[in-house]
Amino acid sequence: MKEAKLKTSIVLGGVAFGFLFSTIAIAQPDEETYAVNATPVSTTGSGFSSDLNNPLFGIGNPLSLGALYSANYGAMVEAAAGRLLTMNNAVGLGLQLGPNQRRIDGSWGWAIFPQQRIKLSAENLTQYTQFKFNAGDTDRWVSQNAIGGAYQYLIPNSFLNDLNASAYYSAANNVSLPSRSDGAATNDRHVVGAKDANGSVGADITPAYGSLLGVRVGYDNVNYSMRYERDRDDSGMGLNLSWQQLITKQLKFNMSASELPIYANYQAGFSWMFNLQNSDYLEVGASATRLINKHSIANDTLALLSLSYGWNANSQNSAEGYHLVDQDSHDNLSQWATMPAAYMDQTLALRDQRNR
């Protein structure tokens, strides 16, 4: 808990520093100014936004490849791609594959009006997790399905860049285990998966040239229906703050902090856009994530290296770098579809046991 409070203070301080930095380093009144693309960052499993798992910004037909390392689940590879089906519709697909974790997600984005769009997503996350029972530790595969939706109202050329709302529902499977006995006592064992319902509303603002600040509030309801122990209900309000800062026109810094009843999520990273001198787009990214759980699920630390490429990039190109574009629901629609409305940080499953 002390670690979570300390990290929250660091992020809040970083946001305040960002305001000062962006005004001094970027917004010189007699110089050409640059601003980050105002496309909102991706929705994560917390029900809030973060772009650190997919650094693509403002491109068409995006493709991203990455190498991800988790302290709990080891090394894995990941990939994400998006494609326009029509002018108003796009789809996105994401994959993660490793010896102890597998993820697949798909999304459909629809530009319903010039400044409004919606997104529907589905995901399956499967992890090989260790559970600590009185009779000894055991590792088991736990699978979790999630569905979600997101809505965005874009406000072009404004301090208030957009208003947004999202919701998701996830359910992890239960795992029945045989009882273990040492002759004196018997340990009945069971792994219980949670049902999680989350909803949030938020806004993204451009407080200064080269800065994008996101604020989201939401409610999370997590229920565990135990077989042997008392049922558990972890519910309450949540808060997410995200900040993106353009250091140069081709170098961008990202930071976010989420506080939920079940865990806290802290992320930070950099993205660098190569100068290709054409309409294509090439970007590398590096980020780190810290998950701090508030019940018996283990904490986790993750690191990601990614390479992103786009072609015919919606009139934006690597030579010009990151810049603010007039927002329309059709802008970056294929890229928006690669950021799922339901992205769970981990499978929500607990040990359930009794001794007799």
Protein backbone atom coordinates (compact mmCIF):
# COMPACT_ATOMS: atom_id res chain seq x y z
CA MET A 1 0.00 0.00 0.00
CA LYS A 2 2.89 2.35 0.80
CA GLU A 3 4.44 1.50 -2.58
CA ALA A 4 1.16 2.36 -4.36
CA LYS A 5 0.84 5.71 -2.58
CA LEU A 6 4.47 6.57 -3.35
CA LYS A 7 4.09 5.77 -7.04
CA THR A 8 0.87 7.80 -7.24
CA SER A 9 2.67 10.80 -5.75
CA ILE A 10 5.48 10.40 -8.28
CA VAL A 11 3.07 10.32 -11.21
CA LEU A 12 1.11 13.34 -9.96
CA GLY A 13 4.38 15.20 -9.55
CA GLY A 14 5.38 14.16 -13.05
CA VAL A 15 2.16 15.56 -14.47
CA ALA A 16 2.77 18.88 -12.76
CA PHE A 17 6.34 18.94 -14.06
CA GLY A 18 4.99 18.16 -17.51
CA PHE A 19 2.90 21.33 -17.53
CA LEU A 20 5.98 23.38 -16.72
CA PHE A 21 8.21 21.55 -19.19
CA SER A 22 5.73 21.75 -22.05
CA THR A 23 5.26 25.49 -21.61
CA ILE A 24 8.99 26.21 -21.43
CA ALA A 25 10.47 23.67 -23.85
CA ILE A 26 7.74 23.47 -26.49
CA ALA A 27 5.51 26.52 -26.49
CA GLN A 28 7.76 29.33 -27.61
CA PRO A 29 5.45 31.94 -29.13
CA ASP A 30 7.75 32.85 -32.05
CA GLU A 31 8.65 29.28 -32.98
CA GLU A 32 6.77 26.55 -34.82
CA THR A 33 5.04 24.39 -32.21
CA TYR A 34 4.26 20.70 -32.19
CA ALA A 35 1.63 18.79 -30.25
CA VAL A 36 1.08 15.11 -29.69
CA ASN A 37 -1.58 13.46 -31.75
CA ALA A 38 -4.74 13.87 -29.72
CA THR A 39 -6.00 10.36 -30.39
CA PRO A 40 -6.84 8.94 -26.93
CA VAL A 41 -4.66 6.24 -25.56
CA SER A 42 -5.80 2.62 -25.52
CA THR A 43 -8.22 1.16 -23.00
CA THR A 44 -6.63 -1.35 -20.66
CA GLY A 45 -7.94 -4.03 -18.40
CA SER A 46 -8.50 -1.48 -15.70
CA GLY A 47 -11.21 0.05 -17.84
CA PHE A 48 -9.14 3.18 -18.38
CA SER A 49 -6.74 4.39 -21.06
CA SER A 50 -3.08 3.77 -21.73
CA ASP A 51 -1.17 3.76 -24.98
CA LEU A 52 1.96 2.07 -23.63
CA ASN A 53 1.14 -1.39 -24.95
CA ASN A 54 0.63 -0.05 -28.50
CA PRO A 55 2.67 3.04 -29.41
CA LEU A 56 1.13 3.49 -32.90
CA PHE A 57 -0.17 7.04 -33.37
CA GLY A 58 -2.15 8.46 -36.24
CA ILE A 59 -1.32 5.97 -39.00
CA GLY A 60 -3.18 3.88 -41.55
CA ASN A 61 -3.05 0.07 -41.77
CA PRO A 62 -0.86 -0.19 -38.62
CA LEU A 63 1.32 -3.17 -37.81
CA SER A 64 3.19 -3.53 -34.51
CA LEU A 65 5.56 -6.25 -33.27
CA GLY A 66 6.91 -6.42 -29.73
CA ALA A 67 8.96 -8.40 -27.22
CA LEU A 68 7.37 -8.46 -23.76
CA TYR A 69 8.85 -9.74 -20.50
CA SER A 70 6.85 -10.42 -17.32
CA ALA A 71 8.47 -11.21 -13.99
CA ASN A 72 5.66 -13.74 -13.34
CA TYR A 73 5.07 -15.21 -16.81
CA GLY A 74 8.40 -14.87 -18.60
CA ALA A 75 9.20 -13.75 -22.13
CA MET A 76 6.63 -13.54 -24.92
CA VAL A 77 6.11 -12.00 -28.34
CA GLU A 78 3.16 -9.82 -29.29
CA ALA A 79 1.69 -8.41 -32.47
CA ALA A 80 -1.13 -6.00 -33.37
CA ALA A 81 -2.59 -5.00 -36.74
CA GLY A 82 -5.51 -2.90 -37.98
CA ARG A 83 -7.29 -2.51 -41.30
CA LEU A 84 -9.99 -0.29 -42.77
CA LEU A 85 -12.92 -2.26 -44.17
CA THR A 86 -14.79 0.79 -45.44
CA MET A 87 -14.44 4.52 -44.80
CA ASN A 88 -16.56 4.11 -41.64
CA ASN A 89 -15.46 0.68 -40.39
CA ALA A 90 -12.18 -0.83 -39.25
CA VAL A 91 -11.02 -3.95 -37.44
CA GLY A 92 -8.04 -4.67 -35.22
CA LEU A 93 -6.40 -7.88 -34.00
CA GLY A 94 -3.89 -8.42 -31.20
CA LEU A 95 -1.87 -11.50 -30.18
CA GLN A 96 0.50 -12.43 -27.34
CA LEU A 97 2.27 -15.77 -27.16
CA GLY A 98 4.64 -17.15 -24.55
CA PRO A 99 5.24 -20.38 -22.58
CA ASN A 100 3.12 -19.14 -19.64
CA GLN A 101 0.75 -16.60 -21.22
CA ARG A 102 -1.46 -16.46 -24.33
CA ARG A 103 -3.73 -13.61 -25.41
CA ILE A 104 -5.90 -12.92 -28.44
CA ASP A 105 -8.17 -9.91 -28.89
CA GLY A 106 -10.24 -8.44 -31.68
CA SER A 107 -12.01 -5.10 -32.09
CA TRP A 108 -14.39 -3.41 -34.51
CA GLY A 109 -14.48 0.39 -34.78
CA TRP A 110 -17.34 2.31 -36.39
CA ALA A 111 -17.38 6.03 -37.22
CA ILE A 112 -21.07 6.72 -36.68
CA PHE A 113 -20.95 10.53 -37.06
CA PRO A 114 -18.19 12.99 -38.05
CA GLN A 115 -17.18 13.54 -34.39
CA GLN A 116 -18.45 10.32 -32.79
CA ARG A 117 -17.31 6.71 -32.95
CA ILE A 118 -17.80 3.47 -31.06
CA LYS A 119 -15.74 0.32 -30.59
CA LEU A 120 -16.61 -3.24 -29.58
CA SER A 121 -13.93 -5.69 -28.40
CA ALA A 122 -13.52 -9.28 -27.23
CA GLU A 123 -10.51 -10.92 -25.60
CA ASN A 124 -9.27 -14.23 -24.25
CA LEU A 125 -6.34 -14.25 -21.80
CA THR A 126 -4.86 -17.52 -20.50
CA GLN A 127 -2.07 -17.62 -17.90
CA TYR A 128 -0.14 -20.38 -16.14
CA THR A 129 -0.34 -19.14 -12.55
CA GLN A 130 1.05 -20.38 -9.25
CA PHE A 131 -1.37 -20.79 -6.32
CA LYS A 132 -0.17 -21.24 -2.74
CA PHE A 133 -2.16 -23.86 -0.79
CA ASN A 134 -1.52 -25.16 2.73
CA ALA A 135 -0.60 -28.52 1.19
CA GLY A 136 1.93 -26.89 -1.16
CA ASP A 137 2.16 -24.69 -4.22
CA THR A 138 0.59 -25.70 -7.51
CA ASP A 139 0.62 -24.21 -11.03
CA ARG A 140 -2.50 -24.25 -13.21
CA TRP A 141 -3.74 -22.73 -16.47
CA VAL A 142 -6.54 -20.21 -15.93
CA SER A 143 -8.53 -18.84 -18.87
CA GLN A 144 -10.46 -15.55 -18.83
CA ASN A 145 -12.84 -14.08 -21.43
CA ALA A 146 -13.73 -10.40 -21.66
CA ILE A 147 -15.99 -8.20 -23.79
CA GLY A 148 -16.05 -4.40 -23.84
CA GLY A 149 -17.21 -1.29 -25.61
CA ALA A 150 -15.99 2.30 -25.92
CA TYR A 151 -17.49 5.59 -27.09
CA GLN A 152 -15.62 8.74 -28.07
CA TYR A 153 -16.86 12.24 -28.83
CA LEU A 154 -14.17 14.28 -30.59
CA ILE A 155 -13.89 18.06 -30.27
CA PRO A 156 -11.46 19.34 -32.96
CA ASN A 157 -9.15 22.30 -32.38
CA SER A 158 -10.13 22.64 -28.73
CA PHE A 159 -8.50 22.63 -25.31
CA LEU A 160 -10.93 19.80 -24.50
CA ASN A 161 -9.88 17.25 -27.10
CA ASP A 162 -12.52 14.56 -26.44
CA LEU A 163 -15.04 13.04 -24.05
CA ASN A 164 -15.13 9.26 -23.73
CA ALA A 165 -16.81 6.38 -21.95
CA SER A 166 -16.04 2.67 -21.76
CA ALA A 167 -17.25 -0.52 -20.08
CA TYR A 168 -16.18 -4.14 -19.98
CA TYR A 169 -17.14 -7.46 -18.40
CA SER A 170 -14.77 -10.37 -17.77
CA ALA A 171 -15.13 -13.87 -16.35
CA ALA A 172 -12.31 -16.25 -15.41
CA ASN A 173 -12.89 -20.00 -15.20
CA ASN A 174 -12.81 -22.07 -12.01
CA VAL A 175 -10.32 -24.95 -11.63
CA SER A 176 -11.16 -27.99 -9.49
CA LEU A 177 -8.16 -29.66 -7.84
CA PRO A 178 -7.89 -32.99 -5.99
CA SER A 179 -7.60 -32.85 -2.21
CA ARG A 180 -4.26 -33.58 -0.58
CA SER A 181 -3.77 -35.42 2.71
CA ASP A 182 -0.70 -35.93 4.87
CA GLY A 183 -2.40 -38.46 7.12
CA ALA A 184 -3.19 -35.98 9.87
CA ALA A 185 -5.23 -33.45 7.85
CA THR A 186 -6.79 -33.07 4.40
CA ASN A 187 -6.45 -29.91 2.31
CA ASP A 188 -9.42 -29.41 -0.06
CA ARG A 189 -8.27 -27.22 -2.96
CA HIS A 190 -10.04 -25.11 -5.56
CA VAL A 191 -9.16 -22.14 -7.80
CA VAL A 192 -11.97 -19.61 -8.19
CA GLY A 193 -12.17 -17.20 -11.12
CA ALA A 194 -13.66 -13.72 -10.71
CA LYS A 195 -16.44 -11.95 -12.56
CA ASP A 196 -15.48 -8.31 -13.13
CA ALA A 197 -17.76 -5.50 -14.34
CA ASN A 198 -16.19 -2.07 -14.96
CA GLY A 199 -17.39 1.25 -16.34
CA SER A 200 -15.62 4.60 -16.70
CA VAL A 201 -15.99 8.09 -18.15
CA GLY A 202 -13.24 10.55 -18.95
CA ALA A 203 -11.77 13.36 -21.00
CA ASP A 204 -8.51 14.22 -22.76
CA ILE A 205 -7.24 17.79 -22.73
CA THR A 206 -4.31 19.66 -24.26
CA PRO A 207 -3.16 21.93 -21.42
CA ALA A 208 -0.14 23.21 -23.36
CA TYR A 209 1.57 22.76 -26.69
CA GLY A 210 3.07 19.29 -26.92
CA SER A 211 1.07 17.85 -24.01
CA LEU A 212 -1.96 15.57 -23.70
CA LEU A 213 -3.52 14.85 -20.31
CA GLY A 214 -6.19 12.19 -19.74
CA VAL A 215 -8.40 11.90 -16.66
CA ARG A 216 -10.85 9.04 -16.10
CA VAL A 217 -13.03 7.94 -13.21
CA GLY A 218 -14.91 4.68 -12.98
CA TYR A 219 -16.45 1.95 -10.87
CA ASP A 220 -15.18 -1.62 -10.62
CA ASN A 221 -17.16 -4.59 -9.24
CA VAL A 222 -15.21 -7.85 -8.79
CA ASN A 223 -16.90 -10.94 -7.33
CA TYR A 224 -15.41 -14.31 -6.32
CA SER A 225 -17.94 -17.12 -5.65
CA MET A 226 -15.92 -19.36 -3.34
CA ARG A 227 -16.54 -23.06 -2.74
CA TYR A 228 -14.84 -23.42 0.63
CA GLU A 229 -14.16 -19.92 1.93
CA ARG A 230 -16.42 -16.88 2.28
CA ASP A 231 -17.41 -15.16 -0.98
CA ARG A 232 -15.31 -12.12 -1.79
CA ASP A 233 -16.48 -8.81 -3.24
CA ASP A 234 -13.90 -6.19 -4.22
CA SER A 235 -15.80 -3.13 -5.43
CA GLY A 236 -15.25 0.62 -5.48
CA MET A 237 -14.31 3.71 -7.42
CA GLY A 238 -11.20 3.96 -9.56
CA LEU A 239 -9.08 6.77 -11.00
CA ASN A 240 -6.70 6.96 -13.95
CA LEU A 241 -4.33 9.75 -14.94
CA SER A 242 -2.32 9.65 -18.17
CA TRP A 243 0.16 12.15 -19.56
CA GLN A 244 1.91 12.30 -22.93
CA GLN A 245 4.66 14.83 -23.54
CA LEU A 246 6.34 15.66 -26.84
CA ILE A 247 10.06 16.20 -26.13
CA THR A 248 10.93 16.81 -29.79
CA LYS A 249 8.75 16.40 -32.86
CA GLN A 250 9.95 12.77 -33.12
CA LEU A 251 10.39 11.80 -29.45
CA LYS A 252 7.48 11.30 -27.07
CA PHE A 253 7.24 10.40 -23.37
CA ASN A 254 4.24 8.60 -21.80
CA MET A 255 3.20 8.06 -18.18
CA SER A 256 0.03 6.73 -16.53
CA ALA A 257 -1.26 5.66 -13.12
CA SER A 258 -4.43 3.70 -12.35
CA GLU A 259 -5.87 2.96 -8.91
CA LEU A 260 -8.60 0.28 -8.70
CA PRO A 261 -10.07 -1.68 -5.79
CA ILE A 262 -8.19 -4.84 -6.85
CA TYR A 263 -4.84 -3.46 -8.02
CA ALA A 264 -2.81 -0.43 -9.08
CA ASN A 265 -1.15 -0.08 -12.49
CA TYR A 266 1.79 2.27 -13.19
CA GLN A 267 3.36 2.69 -16.62
CA ALA A 268 6.03 4.83 -18.26
CA GLY A 269 7.73 4.74 -21.65
CA PHE A 270 9.24 6.49 -24.66
CA SER A 271 8.40 6.37 -28.38
CA TRP A 272 10.74 7.44 -31.18
CA MET A 273 9.62 8.05 -34.78
CA PHE A 274 12.23 7.52 -37.51
CA ASN A 275 12.57 10.08 -40.28
CA LEU A 276 11.78 8.09 -43.45
CA GLN A 277 11.22 11.13 -45.69
CA ASN A 278 8.09 9.57 -47.23
CA SER A 279 4.47 8.81 -46.40
CA ASP A 280 5.33 5.68 -44.42
CA TYR A 281 5.76 5.53 -40.66
CA LEU A 282 8.29 3.67 -38.50
CA GLU A 283 8.42 3.89 -34.72
CA VAL A 284 10.19 2.11 -31.87
CA GLY A 285 8.95 2.14 -28.30
CA ALA A 286 10.09 1.04 -24.86
CA SER A 287 7.95 0.93 -21.72
CA ALA A 288 7.77 -0.54 -18.23
CA THR A 289 4.71 -1.49 -16.15
CA ARG A 290 4.29 -2.22 -12.46
CA LEU A 291 1.18 -4.03 -11.18
CA ILE A 292 0.57 -3.90 -7.42
CA ASN A 293 -2.20 -6.24 -6.28
CA LYS A 294 -4.33 -5.65 -3.21
CA HIS A 295 -5.18 -9.31 -2.54
CA SER A 296 -3.40 -12.67 -2.85
CA ILE A 297 -2.58 -12.39 -6.57
CA ALA A 298 1.16 -11.76 -7.00
CA ASN A 299 2.53 -8.36 -8.02
CA ASP A 300 4.13 -8.19 -11.46
CA THR A 301 6.68 -6.09 -13.36
CA LEU A 302 6.66 -5.95 -17.18
CA ALA A 303 8.97 -4.50 -19.85
CA LEU A 304 8.09 -4.02 -23.53
CA LEU A 305 10.13 -3.25 -26.65
CA SER A 306 8.08 -2.63 -29.79
CA LEU A 307 8.47 -1.81 -33.47
CA SER A 308 5.55 -0.18 -35.31
CA TYR A 309 5.06 0.41 -39.01
CA GLY A 310 2.36 2.05 -41.13
CA TRP A 311 2.08 2.87 -44.79
CA ASN A 312 0.23 5.67 -46.57
CA ALA A 313 -0.13 7.22 -43.14
CA ASN A 314 -3.14 9.51 -43.46
CA SER A 315 -1.05 12.44 -44.79
CA GLN A 316 1.18 12.20 -41.71
CA ASN A 317 4.69 10.92 -42.19
CA SER A 318 7.86 10.24 -40.28
CA ALA A 319 9.59 13.30 -41.75
CA GLU A 320 7.06 15.63 -40.10
CA GLY A 321 6.95 13.68 -36.83
CA TYR A 322 4.21 13.77 -34.23
CA HIS A 323 1.78 16.63 -34.61
CA LEU A 324 -1.77 17.60 -33.73
CA VAL A 325 -4.31 16.87 -36.47
CA ASP A 326 -7.90 18.02 -36.91
CA GLN A 327 -9.94 15.32 -35.24
CA ASP A 328 -12.66 13.51 -37.14
CA SER A 329 -14.16 10.12 -36.32
CA HIS A 330 -12.65 8.72 -39.54
CA ASP A 331 -9.12 9.85 -38.65
CA ASN A 332 -6.87 7.01 -37.50
CA LEU A 333 -9.86 4.65 -37.36
CA SER A 334 -7.82 1.53 -38.16
CA GLN A 335 -5.27 2.47 -35.49
CA TRP A 336 -8.07 3.11 -32.97
CA ALA A 337 -9.36 -0.41 -33.68
CA THR A 338 -6.01 -1.92 -32.59
CA MET A 339 -6.53 -0.60 -29.03
CA PRO A 340 -9.14 -2.94 -27.49
CA ALA A 341 -11.92 -1.72 -25.24
CA ALA A 342 -11.35 -4.83 -23.09
CA TYR A 343 -7.71 -5.48 -22.17
CA MET A 344 -7.17 -7.33 -18.89
CA ASP A 345 -3.79 -6.95 -17.19
CA GLN A 346 -4.04 -10.44 -15.69
CA THR A 347 -6.41 -13.31 -15.00
CA LEU A 348 -8.40 -12.65 -11.82
CA ALA A 349 -8.29 -15.95 -9.91
CA LEU A 350 -7.73 -16.79 -6.22
CA ARG A 351 -6.87 -19.81 -4.12
CA ASP A 352 -9.90 -21.34 -2.36
CA GLN A 353 -9.29 -24.02 0.29
CA ARG A 354 -10.27 -25.64 3.56
CA ASN A 355 -8.55 -28.00 5.99
CA ARG A 356 -10.34 -30.91 7.63
